[in-house]
Amino acid sequence: MADTILSECDGPLRILTLNRPERHNAMDDAMSDLFQQLLFAALEENETSAILIRANGQSFCSGRDTNVLGQRARDESDFHFVRRHQESRLRMMDATKPIIAAVKGGAIGGGCELAIAADIRVSDTTLKMALPEINYGVLPDTGGTQMMTALIGPSRTKFMVMSGQKIDAATALEWGAVDFVVEPGELDARALEIAHDIAAKPPINLALAKEMINLMHGSTIRTGTRAELYAQSYLFKTEDYQEARAALREKRAPNYKGK
């Protein structure tokens, strides 16, 4: 399982690579726990001053592995499960180190939230970004409604969250969900170039710059992310959530009742 996340140090840059390409880097519990462990270690180490998150294969991350949807490996409540996963996103936002994400292919659900929790996003033209949780009877729960709103505004975020539809790289760039778009094959080089340039700057300046800029939306994102926790804990108990899961399993249109 250690091979599902690769961690390497490249001078002042820590590189974390999602490495489950056969599942489009969908995260099960073990992979998610390992990512959190390596991320937190990278945030605390003194040897590096910036972090690059990238992925092997065709996709950045397709979110939570559909094979374990609804499962709780630790036999914990929905509330504690969601809150524990929120901590990873909030730690990324609060970290003193800049975090750069190299995104491509699918950045779906939790994978989209992972990408937008970074400080800077570099994409290639294959990107398809979505917050499709409504199609599963739930909603984004690790900061997606808050961080995406800070990036692209409320109405566009409402479209993404309420429709669940994907946006492509050109739209993501125009809306501000990503910051740079390059051709396939150029992504790693461009992301490394940006990340190394930032990592070479004085670490205290980087920390203070991130801290000051985050004052614009940081407290709102943190408060709103906790609101996601309460909403999701409720939605997991609804009849419509069970209906959405049944409809997906049975390959039919859902019949929602608003209960």
C-alpha atoms as a PDB file:
ATOM      1  CA  MET A   1       0.000   0.000   0.000  1.00  0.00           C
ATOM      2  CA  ALA A   2       2.954   2.334   0.539  1.00  0.00           C
ATOM      3  CA  ASP A   3       3.355   2.500  -3.251  1.00  0.00           C
ATOM      4  CA  THR A   4      -0.034   4.219  -3.720  1.00  0.00           C
ATOM      5  CA  ILE A   5       1.585   7.512  -2.684  1.00  0.00           C
ATOM      6  CA  LEU A   6       5.166   8.286  -3.668  1.00  0.00           C
ATOM      7  CA  SER A   7       7.131  10.866  -1.696  1.00  0.00           C
ATOM      8  CA  GLU A   8      10.451  12.363  -2.747  1.00  0.00           C
ATOM      9  CA  CYS A   9      12.547  15.391  -1.883  1.00  0.00           C
ATOM     10  CA  ASP A  10      13.899  17.507  -4.750  1.00  0.00           C
ATOM     11  CA  GLY A  11      16.010  20.191  -3.122  1.00  0.00           C
ATOM     12  CA  PRO A  12      13.681  22.527  -1.207  1.00  0.00           C
ATOM     13  CA  LEU A  13      10.631  20.915  -2.864  1.00  0.00           C
ATOM     14  CA  ARG A  14       8.670  17.942  -1.504  1.00  0.00           C
ATOM     15  CA  ILE A  15       6.855  16.000  -4.238  1.00  0.00           C
ATOM     16  CA  LEU A  16       3.879  13.775  -3.439  1.00  0.00           C
ATOM     17  CA  THR A  17       2.690  11.617  -6.335  1.00  0.00           C
ATOM     18  CA  LEU A  18      -0.653   9.811  -6.353  1.00  0.00           C
ATOM     19  CA  ASN A  19       0.169   6.369  -7.711  1.00  0.00           C
ATOM     20  CA  ARG A  20      -2.921   4.273  -8.245  1.00  0.00           C
ATOM     21  CA  PRO A  21      -3.362   4.861 -11.965  1.00  0.00           C
ATOM     22  CA  GLU A  22      -5.398   1.714 -12.603  1.00  0.00           C
ATOM     23  CA  ARG A  23      -8.192   3.284 -10.495  1.00  0.00           C
ATOM     24  CA  HIS A  24      -7.623   6.842 -11.778  1.00  0.00           C
ATOM     25  CA  ASN A  25      -6.060   7.518  -8.362  1.00  0.00           C
ATOM     26  CA  ALA A  26      -9.362   7.010  -6.586  1.00  0.00           C
ATOM     27  CA  MET A  27      -8.684   6.892  -2.859  1.00  0.00           C
ATOM     28  CA  ASP A  28      -9.765   4.077  -0.589  1.00  0.00           C
ATOM     29  CA  ASP A  29      -9.272   4.359   3.167  1.00  0.00           C
ATOM     30  CA  ALA A  30      -5.706   3.044   3.191  1.00  0.00           C
ATOM     31  CA  MET A  31      -4.567   5.367   0.393  1.00  0.00           C
ATOM     32  CA  SER A  32      -6.310   8.345   1.979  1.00  0.00           C
ATOM     33  CA  ASP A  33      -4.715   7.650   5.359  1.00  0.00           C
ATOM     34  CA  LEU A  34      -1.274   7.311   3.759  1.00  0.00           C
ATOM     35  CA  PHE A  35      -1.700  10.563   1.823  1.00  0.00           C
ATOM     36  CA  GLN A  36      -2.663  12.390   5.002  1.00  0.00           C
ATOM     37  CA  GLN A  37       0.303  10.896   6.863  1.00  0.00           C
ATOM     38  CA  LEU A  38       2.811  11.900   4.159  1.00  0.00           C
ATOM     39  CA  LEU A  39       1.234  15.329   3.673  1.00  0.00           C
ATOM     40  CA  PHE A  40       1.375  16.161   7.364  1.00  0.00           C
ATOM     41  CA  ALA A  41       5.003  14.981   7.522  1.00  0.00           C
ATOM     42  CA  ALA A  42       5.845  17.187   4.531  1.00  0.00           C
ATOM     43  CA  LEU A  43       4.210  20.186   6.178  1.00  0.00           C
ATOM     44  CA  GLU A  44       6.267  19.726   9.326  1.00  0.00           C
ATOM     45  CA  GLU A  45       9.713  18.944   7.876  1.00  0.00           C
ATOM     46  CA  ASN A  46      12.399  21.643   7.854  1.00  0.00           C
ATOM     47  CA  GLU A  47      14.172  20.490   4.701  1.00  0.00           C
ATOM     48  CA  THR A  48      11.549  21.766   2.262  1.00  0.00           C
ATOM     49  CA  SER A  49       9.666  25.029   1.784  1.00  0.00           C
ATOM     50  CA  ALA A  50       7.027  24.051  -0.811  1.00  0.00           C
ATOM     51  CA  ILE A  51       5.018  20.984  -1.837  1.00  0.00           C
ATOM     52  CA  LEU A  52       4.007  19.709  -5.280  1.00  0.00           C
ATOM     53  CA  ILE A  53       1.117  17.244  -5.540  1.00  0.00           C
ATOM     54  CA  ARG A  54       0.905  15.384  -8.838  1.00  0.00           C
ATOM     55  CA  ALA A  55      -0.336  12.036 -10.167  1.00  0.00           C
ATOM     56  CA  ASN A  56       0.712   9.108 -12.300  1.00  0.00           C
ATOM     57  CA  GLY A  57      -1.611   7.822 -15.011  1.00  0.00           C
ATOM     58  CA  GLN A  58      -4.373   9.557 -16.928  1.00  0.00           C
ATOM     59  CA  SER A  59      -6.146  11.284 -14.032  1.00  0.00           C
ATOM     60  CA  PHE A  60      -5.236  13.421 -11.058  1.00  0.00           C
ATOM     61  CA  CYS A  61      -7.774  11.866  -8.678  1.00  0.00           C
ATOM     62  CA  SER A  62     -11.287  10.582  -9.313  1.00  0.00           C
ATOM     63  CA  GLY A  63     -12.277  11.029  -5.676  1.00  0.00           C
ATOM     64  CA  ARG A  64     -13.293   8.357  -3.196  1.00  0.00           C
ATOM     65  CA  ASP A  65     -13.070   4.831  -4.580  1.00  0.00           C
ATOM     66  CA  THR A  66     -16.592   3.770  -5.567  1.00  0.00           C
ATOM     67  CA  ASN A  67     -15.858   0.298  -4.173  1.00  0.00           C
ATOM     68  CA  VAL A  68     -15.861   1.738  -0.641  1.00  0.00           C
ATOM     69  CA  LEU A  69     -18.563   4.410  -0.915  1.00  0.00           C
ATOM     70  CA  GLY A  70     -20.577   4.478   2.294  1.00  0.00           C
ATOM     71  CA  GLN A  71     -18.124   2.250   4.149  1.00  0.00           C
ATOM     72  CA  ARG A  72     -16.456   3.331   7.396  1.00  0.00           C
ATOM     73  CA  ALA A  73     -13.242   1.346   7.884  1.00  0.00           C
ATOM     74  CA  ARG A  74     -12.800   2.604  11.455  1.00  0.00           C
ATOM     75  CA  ASP A  75     -16.409   1.863  12.415  1.00  0.00           C
ATOM     76  CA  GLU A  76     -16.888   5.575  13.097  1.00  0.00           C
ATOM     77  CA  SER A  77     -19.883   7.854  12.736  1.00  0.00           C
ATOM     78  CA  ASP A  78     -20.545   9.785   9.537  1.00  0.00           C
ATOM     79  CA  PHE A  79     -19.790  12.963  11.489  1.00  0.00           C
ATOM     80  CA  HIS A  80     -16.352  11.781  12.619  1.00  0.00           C
ATOM     81  CA  PHE A  81     -15.543  10.279   9.209  1.00  0.00           C
ATOM     82  CA  VAL A  82     -16.246  13.522   7.347  1.00  0.00           C
ATOM     83  CA  ARG A  83     -14.576  15.696   9.978  1.00  0.00           C
ATOM     84  CA  ARG A  84     -11.398  13.616   9.856  1.00  0.00           C
ATOM     85  CA  HIS A  85     -11.174  14.031   6.084  1.00  0.00           C
ATOM     86  CA  GLN A  86     -11.844  17.756   6.351  1.00  0.00           C
ATOM     87  CA  GLU A  87      -8.743  18.137   8.509  1.00  0.00           C
ATOM     88  CA  SER A  88      -6.471  17.314   5.574  1.00  0.00           C
ATOM     89  CA  ARG A  89      -7.955  20.112   3.442  1.00  0.00           C
ATOM     90  CA  LEU A  90      -7.915  22.636   6.269  1.00  0.00           C
ATOM     91  CA  ARG A  91      -4.318  21.763   7.114  1.00  0.00           C
ATOM     92  CA  MET A  92      -3.397  22.458   3.486  1.00  0.00           C
ATOM     93  CA  MET A  93      -5.029  25.882   3.669  1.00  0.00           C
ATOM     94  CA  ASP A  94      -3.496  26.749   7.042  1.00  0.00           C
ATOM     95  CA  ALA A  95      -0.016  25.410   6.220  1.00  0.00           C
ATOM     96  CA  THR A  96       2.888  27.851   6.052  1.00  0.00           C
ATOM     97  CA  LYS A  97       4.206  26.084   2.933  1.00  0.00           C
ATOM     98  CA  PRO A  98       2.838  26.864  -0.548  1.00  0.00           C
ATOM     99  CA  ILE A  99       1.213  23.847  -2.202  1.00  0.00           C
ATOM    100  CA  ILE A 100       1.121  23.457  -5.979  1.00  0.00           C
ATOM    101  CA  ALA A 101      -1.085  20.871  -7.706  1.00  0.00           C
ATOM    102  CA  ALA A 102      -0.459  19.444 -11.188  1.00  0.00           C
ATOM    103  CA  VAL A 103      -3.886  18.292 -12.379  1.00  0.00           C
ATOM    104  CA  LYS A 104      -4.976  16.346 -15.442  1.00  0.00           C
ATOM    105  CA  GLY A 105      -7.723  14.026 -16.604  1.00  0.00           C
ATOM    106  CA  GLY A 106     -10.319  13.472 -13.920  1.00  0.00           C
ATOM    107  CA  ALA A 107     -10.287  15.727 -10.860  1.00  0.00           C
ATOM    108  CA  ILE A 108     -13.601  14.550  -9.532  1.00  0.00           C
ATOM    109  CA  GLY A 109     -15.340  14.942  -6.173  1.00  0.00           C
ATOM    110  CA  GLY A 110     -12.743  14.616  -3.453  1.00  0.00           C
ATOM    111  CA  GLY A 111     -10.068  14.798  -6.137  1.00  0.00           C
ATOM    112  CA  CYS A 112     -11.395  18.180  -7.212  1.00  0.00           C
ATOM    113  CA  GLU A 113     -11.439  19.327  -3.588  1.00  0.00           C
ATOM    114  CA  LEU A 114      -7.846  18.173  -3.167  1.00  0.00           C
ATOM    115  CA  ALA A 115      -6.818  20.218  -6.223  1.00  0.00           C
ATOM    116  CA  ILE A 116      -8.590  23.408  -5.141  1.00  0.00           C
ATOM    117  CA  ALA A 117      -7.179  23.108  -1.614  1.00  0.00           C
ATOM    118  CA  ALA A 118      -3.759  23.758  -3.169  1.00  0.00           C
ATOM    119  CA  ASP A 119      -2.526  27.335  -3.507  1.00  0.00           C
ATOM    120  CA  ILE A 120      -1.754  27.144  -7.235  1.00  0.00           C
ATOM    121  CA  ARG A 121      -3.060  24.738  -9.885  1.00  0.00           C
ATOM    122  CA  VAL A 122      -1.355  23.833 -13.150  1.00  0.00           C
ATOM    123  CA  SER A 123      -3.468  21.775 -15.555  1.00  0.00           C
ATOM    124  CA  ASP A 124      -3.108  20.119 -18.901  1.00  0.00           C
ATOM    125  CA  THR A 125      -5.785  20.200 -21.584  1.00  0.00           C
ATOM    126  CA  THR A 126      -7.205  16.779 -20.652  1.00  0.00           C
ATOM    127  CA  LEU A 127      -8.640  18.089 -17.375  1.00  0.00           C
ATOM    128  CA  LYS A 128     -12.249  17.321 -16.474  1.00  0.00           C
ATOM    129  CA  MET A 129     -13.170  18.859 -13.123  1.00  0.00           C
ATOM    130  CA  ALA A 130     -16.414  18.151 -11.266  1.00  0.00           C
ATOM    131  CA  LEU A 131     -18.192  18.169  -7.916  1.00  0.00           C
ATOM    132  CA  PRO A 132     -20.736  15.428  -8.740  1.00  0.00           C
ATOM    133  CA  GLU A 133     -21.774  14.448  -5.210  1.00  0.00           C
ATOM    134  CA  ILE A 134     -25.402  15.487  -5.767  1.00  0.00           C
ATOM    135  CA  ASN A 135     -25.733  12.542  -8.160  1.00  0.00           C
ATOM    136  CA  TYR A 136     -24.890  10.268  -5.212  1.00  0.00           C
ATOM    137  CA  GLY A 137     -27.463  11.840  -2.912  1.00  0.00           C
ATOM    138  CA  VAL A 138     -24.947  13.927  -0.949  1.00  0.00           C
ATOM    139  CA  LEU A 139     -22.923  17.155  -1.369  1.00  0.00           C
ATOM    140  CA  PRO A 140     -19.224  18.145  -1.293  1.00  0.00           C
ATOM    141  CA  ASP A 141     -17.918  17.787   2.243  1.00  0.00           C
ATOM    142  CA  THR A 142     -14.215  18.643   2.361  1.00  0.00           C
ATOM    143  CA  GLY A 143     -14.433  22.319   1.501  1.00  0.00           C
ATOM    144  CA  GLY A 144     -15.606  22.113  -2.103  1.00  0.00           C
ATOM    145  CA  THR A 145     -18.499  24.544  -1.798  1.00  0.00           C
ATOM    146  CA  GLN A 146     -16.305  27.055   0.022  1.00  0.00           C
ATOM    147  CA  MET A 147     -12.964  26.847  -1.773  1.00  0.00           C
ATOM    148  CA  MET A 148     -14.562  26.709  -5.214  1.00  0.00           C
ATOM    149  CA  THR A 149     -16.671  29.776  -4.423  1.00  0.00           C
ATOM    150  CA  ALA A 150     -13.515  31.663  -3.410  1.00  0.00           C
ATOM    151  CA  LEU A 151     -11.977  30.747  -6.783  1.00  0.00           C
ATOM    152  CA  ILE A 152     -14.818  31.067  -9.305  1.00  0.00           C
ATOM    153  CA  GLY A 153     -17.646  32.875  -7.505  1.00  0.00           C
ATOM    154  CA  PRO A 154     -20.991  31.748  -6.085  1.00  0.00           C
ATOM    155  CA  SER A 155     -23.123  31.328  -9.219  1.00  0.00           C
ATOM    156  CA  ARG A 156     -20.594  29.179 -11.079  1.00  0.00           C
ATOM    157  CA  THR A 157     -20.039  27.105  -7.952  1.00  0.00           C
ATOM    158  CA  LYS A 158     -23.799  26.644  -7.628  1.00  0.00           C
ATOM    159  CA  PHE A 159     -23.876  25.387 -11.216  1.00  0.00           C
ATOM    160  CA  MET A 160     -21.112  22.870 -10.522  1.00  0.00           C
ATOM    161  CA  VAL A 161     -22.565  21.669  -7.215  1.00  0.00           C
ATOM    162  CA  MET A 162     -26.243  21.639  -8.240  1.00  0.00           C
ATOM    163  CA  SER A 163     -25.728  20.045 -11.666  1.00  0.00           C
ATOM    164  CA  GLY A 164     -22.735  17.838 -10.903  1.00  0.00           C
ATOM    165  CA  GLN A 165     -21.501  18.478 -14.445  1.00  0.00           C
ATOM    166  CA  LYS A 166     -17.842  18.451 -15.466  1.00  0.00           C
ATOM    167  CA  ILE A 167     -15.988  21.494 -16.743  1.00  0.00           C
ATOM    168  CA  ASP A 168     -13.043  21.204 -19.113  1.00  0.00           C
ATOM    169  CA  ALA A 169      -9.600  22.770 -18.844  1.00  0.00           C
ATOM    170  CA  ALA A 170     -10.471  25.828 -20.936  1.00  0.00           C
ATOM    171  CA  THR A 171     -13.523  26.581 -18.800  1.00  0.00           C
ATOM    172  CA  ALA A 172     -11.594  25.940 -15.578  1.00  0.00           C
ATOM    173  CA  LEU A 173      -8.950  28.444 -16.706  1.00  0.00           C
ATOM    174  CA  GLU A 174     -11.494  31.056 -17.786  1.00  0.00           C
ATOM    175  CA  TRP A 175     -13.397  30.734 -14.502  1.00  0.00           C
ATOM    176  CA  GLY A 176     -10.274  30.689 -12.313  1.00  0.00           C
ATOM    177  CA  ALA A 177     -10.457  27.104 -11.032  1.00  0.00           C
ATOM    178  CA  VAL A 178      -6.960  26.543 -12.456  1.00  0.00           C
ATOM    179  CA  ASP A 179      -4.170  29.039 -13.047  1.00  0.00           C
ATOM    180  CA  PHE A 180      -2.200  27.607 -15.994  1.00  0.00           C
ATOM    181  CA  VAL A 181      -3.052  25.162 -18.787  1.00  0.00           C
ATOM    182  CA  VAL A 182      -0.438  23.372 -20.895  1.00  0.00           C
ATOM    183  CA  GLU A 183      -0.439  20.620 -23.487  1.00  0.00           C
ATOM    184  CA  PRO A 184      -0.304  16.977 -22.371  1.00  0.00           C
ATOM    185  CA  GLY A 185       3.301  15.959 -21.881  1.00  0.00           C
ATOM    186  CA  GLU A 186       4.273  19.424 -20.634  1.00  0.00           C
ATOM    187  CA  LEU A 187       2.443  19.293 -17.302  1.00  0.00           C
ATOM    188  CA  ASP A 188       5.136  17.849 -15.042  1.00  0.00           C
ATOM    189  CA  ALA A 189       7.834  20.155 -16.412  1.00  0.00           C
ATOM    190  CA  ARG A 190       5.696  23.292 -16.056  1.00  0.00           C
ATOM    191  CA  ALA A 191       4.480  22.371 -12.575  1.00  0.00           C
ATOM    192  CA  LEU A 192       8.035  21.589 -11.456  1.00  0.00           C
ATOM    193  CA  GLU A 193       9.249  24.888 -12.908  1.00  0.00           C
ATOM    194  CA  ILE A 194       6.647  26.871 -10.961  1.00  0.00           C
ATOM    195  CA  ALA A 195       7.096  24.841  -7.777  1.00  0.00           C
ATOM    196  CA  HIS A 196      10.900  25.086  -7.815  1.00  0.00           C
ATOM    197  CA  ASP A 197      10.760  28.821  -8.464  1.00  0.00           C
ATOM    198  CA  ILE A 198       8.506  29.298  -5.439  1.00  0.00           C
ATOM    199  CA  ALA A 199      10.435  26.853  -3.237  1.00  0.00           C
ATOM    200  CA  ALA A 200      13.639  28.833  -3.841  1.00  0.00           C
ATOM    201  CA  LYS A 201      12.191  31.951  -2.190  1.00  0.00           C
ATOM    202  CA  PRO A 202      12.737  32.779   1.527  1.00  0.00           C
ATOM    203  CA  PRO A 203      10.508  30.395   3.543  1.00  0.00           C
ATOM    204  CA  ILE A 204       9.381  33.036   6.031  1.00  0.00           C
ATOM    205  CA  ASN A 205       8.318  35.316   3.176  1.00  0.00           C
ATOM    206  CA  LEU A 206       6.340  32.481   1.607  1.00  0.00           C
ATOM    207  CA  ALA A 207       4.632  31.730   4.904  1.00  0.00           C
ATOM    208  CA  LEU A 208       3.699  35.338   5.555  1.00  0.00           C
ATOM    209  CA  ALA A 209       2.518  35.896   1.979  1.00  0.00           C
ATOM    210  CA  LYS A 210       0.205  32.882   2.179  1.00  0.00           C
ATOM    211  CA  GLU A 211      -1.012  33.954   5.615  1.00  0.00           C
ATOM    212  CA  MET A 212      -1.868  37.488   4.476  1.00  0.00           C
ATOM    213  CA  ILE A 213      -3.594  36.436   1.262  1.00  0.00           C
ATOM    214  CA  ASN A 214      -5.621  33.779   3.080  1.00  0.00           C
ATOM    215  CA  LEU A 215      -7.047  36.452   5.386  1.00  0.00           C
ATOM    216  CA  MET A 216      -9.352  37.349   2.472  1.00  0.00           C
ATOM    217  CA  HIS A 217     -11.295  34.067   2.561  1.00  0.00           C
ATOM    218  CA  GLY A 218      -9.665  31.759   5.107  1.00  0.00           C
ATOM    219  CA  SER A 219     -12.021  32.205   8.048  1.00  0.00           C
ATOM    220  CA  THR A 220     -15.072  31.980   5.779  1.00  0.00           C
ATOM    221  CA  ILE A 221     -13.777  28.771   4.191  1.00  0.00           C
ATOM    222  CA  ARG A 222     -13.135  27.213   7.589  1.00  0.00           C
ATOM    223  CA  THR A 223     -16.611  28.124   8.888  1.00  0.00           C
ATOM    224  CA  GLY A 224     -18.307  27.008   5.688  1.00  0.00           C
ATOM    225  CA  THR A 225     -16.422  23.731   5.624  1.00  0.00           C
ATOM    226  CA  ARG A 226     -17.794  22.902   9.064  1.00  0.00           C
ATOM    227  CA  ALA A 227     -21.264  23.695   7.701  1.00  0.00           C
ATOM    228  CA  GLU A 228     -20.579  21.068   5.013  1.00  0.00           C
ATOM    229  CA  LEU A 229     -19.892  18.619   7.839  1.00  0.00           C
ATOM    230  CA  TYR A 230     -23.297  19.204   9.418  1.00  0.00           C
ATOM    231  CA  ALA A 231     -25.117  19.040   6.073  1.00  0.00           C
ATOM    232  CA  GLN A 232     -23.377  15.842   5.007  1.00  0.00           C
ATOM    233  CA  SER A 233     -23.974  14.141   8.366  1.00  0.00           C
ATOM    234  CA  TYR A 234     -27.681  14.830   7.846  1.00  0.00           C
ATOM    235  CA  LEU A 235     -27.793  13.814   4.170  1.00  0.00           C
ATOM    236  CA  PHE A 236     -26.296  10.395   4.894  1.00  0.00           C
ATOM    237  CA  LYS A 237     -29.463   9.643   6.897  1.00  0.00           C
ATOM    238  CA  THR A 238     -32.004  10.652   4.247  1.00  0.00           C
ATOM    239  CA  GLU A 239     -34.200   8.383   2.150  1.00  0.00           C
ATOM    240  CA  ASP A 240     -33.070  10.221  -0.984  1.00  0.00           C
ATOM    241  CA  TYR A 241     -29.441   9.228  -0.265  1.00  0.00           C
ATOM    242  CA  GLN A 242     -30.463   5.572  -0.084  1.00  0.00           C
ATOM    243  CA  GLU A 243     -32.504   6.002  -3.268  1.00  0.00           C
ATOM    244  CA  ALA A 244     -29.546   7.565  -5.111  1.00  0.00           C
ATOM    245  CA  ARG A 245     -27.311   4.631  -4.126  1.00  0.00           C
ATOM    246  CA  ALA A 246     -29.964   2.099  -5.155  1.00  0.00           C
ATOM    247  CA  ALA A 247     -30.542   3.809  -8.506  1.00  0.00           C
ATOM    248  CA  LEU A 248     -26.839   3.829  -9.288  1.00  0.00           C
ATOM    249  CA  ARG A 249     -26.524   0.188  -8.286  1.00  0.00           C
ATOM    250  CA  GLU A 250     -29.561  -0.827 -10.344  1.00  0.00           C
ATOM    251  CA  LYS A 251     -28.645   1.440 -13.288  1.00  0.00           C
ATOM    252  CA  ARG A 252     -31.972   3.315 -13.316  1.00  0.00           C
ATOM    253  CA  ALA A 253     -33.209   6.857 -12.842  1.00  0.00           C
ATOM    254  CA  PRO A 254     -33.698   7.813  -9.175  1.00  0.00           C
ATOM    255  CA  ASN A 255     -37.118   8.647  -7.741  1.00  0.00           C
ATOM    256  CA  TYR A 256     -36.469  11.335  -5.137  1.00  0.00           C
ATOM    257  CA  LYS A 257     -39.078  12.212  -2.513  1.00  0.00           C
ATOM    258  CA  GLY A 258     -37.391  15.054  -0.655  1.00  0.00           C
ATOM    259  CA  LYS A 259     -37.123  12.962   2.507  1.00  0.00           C
END
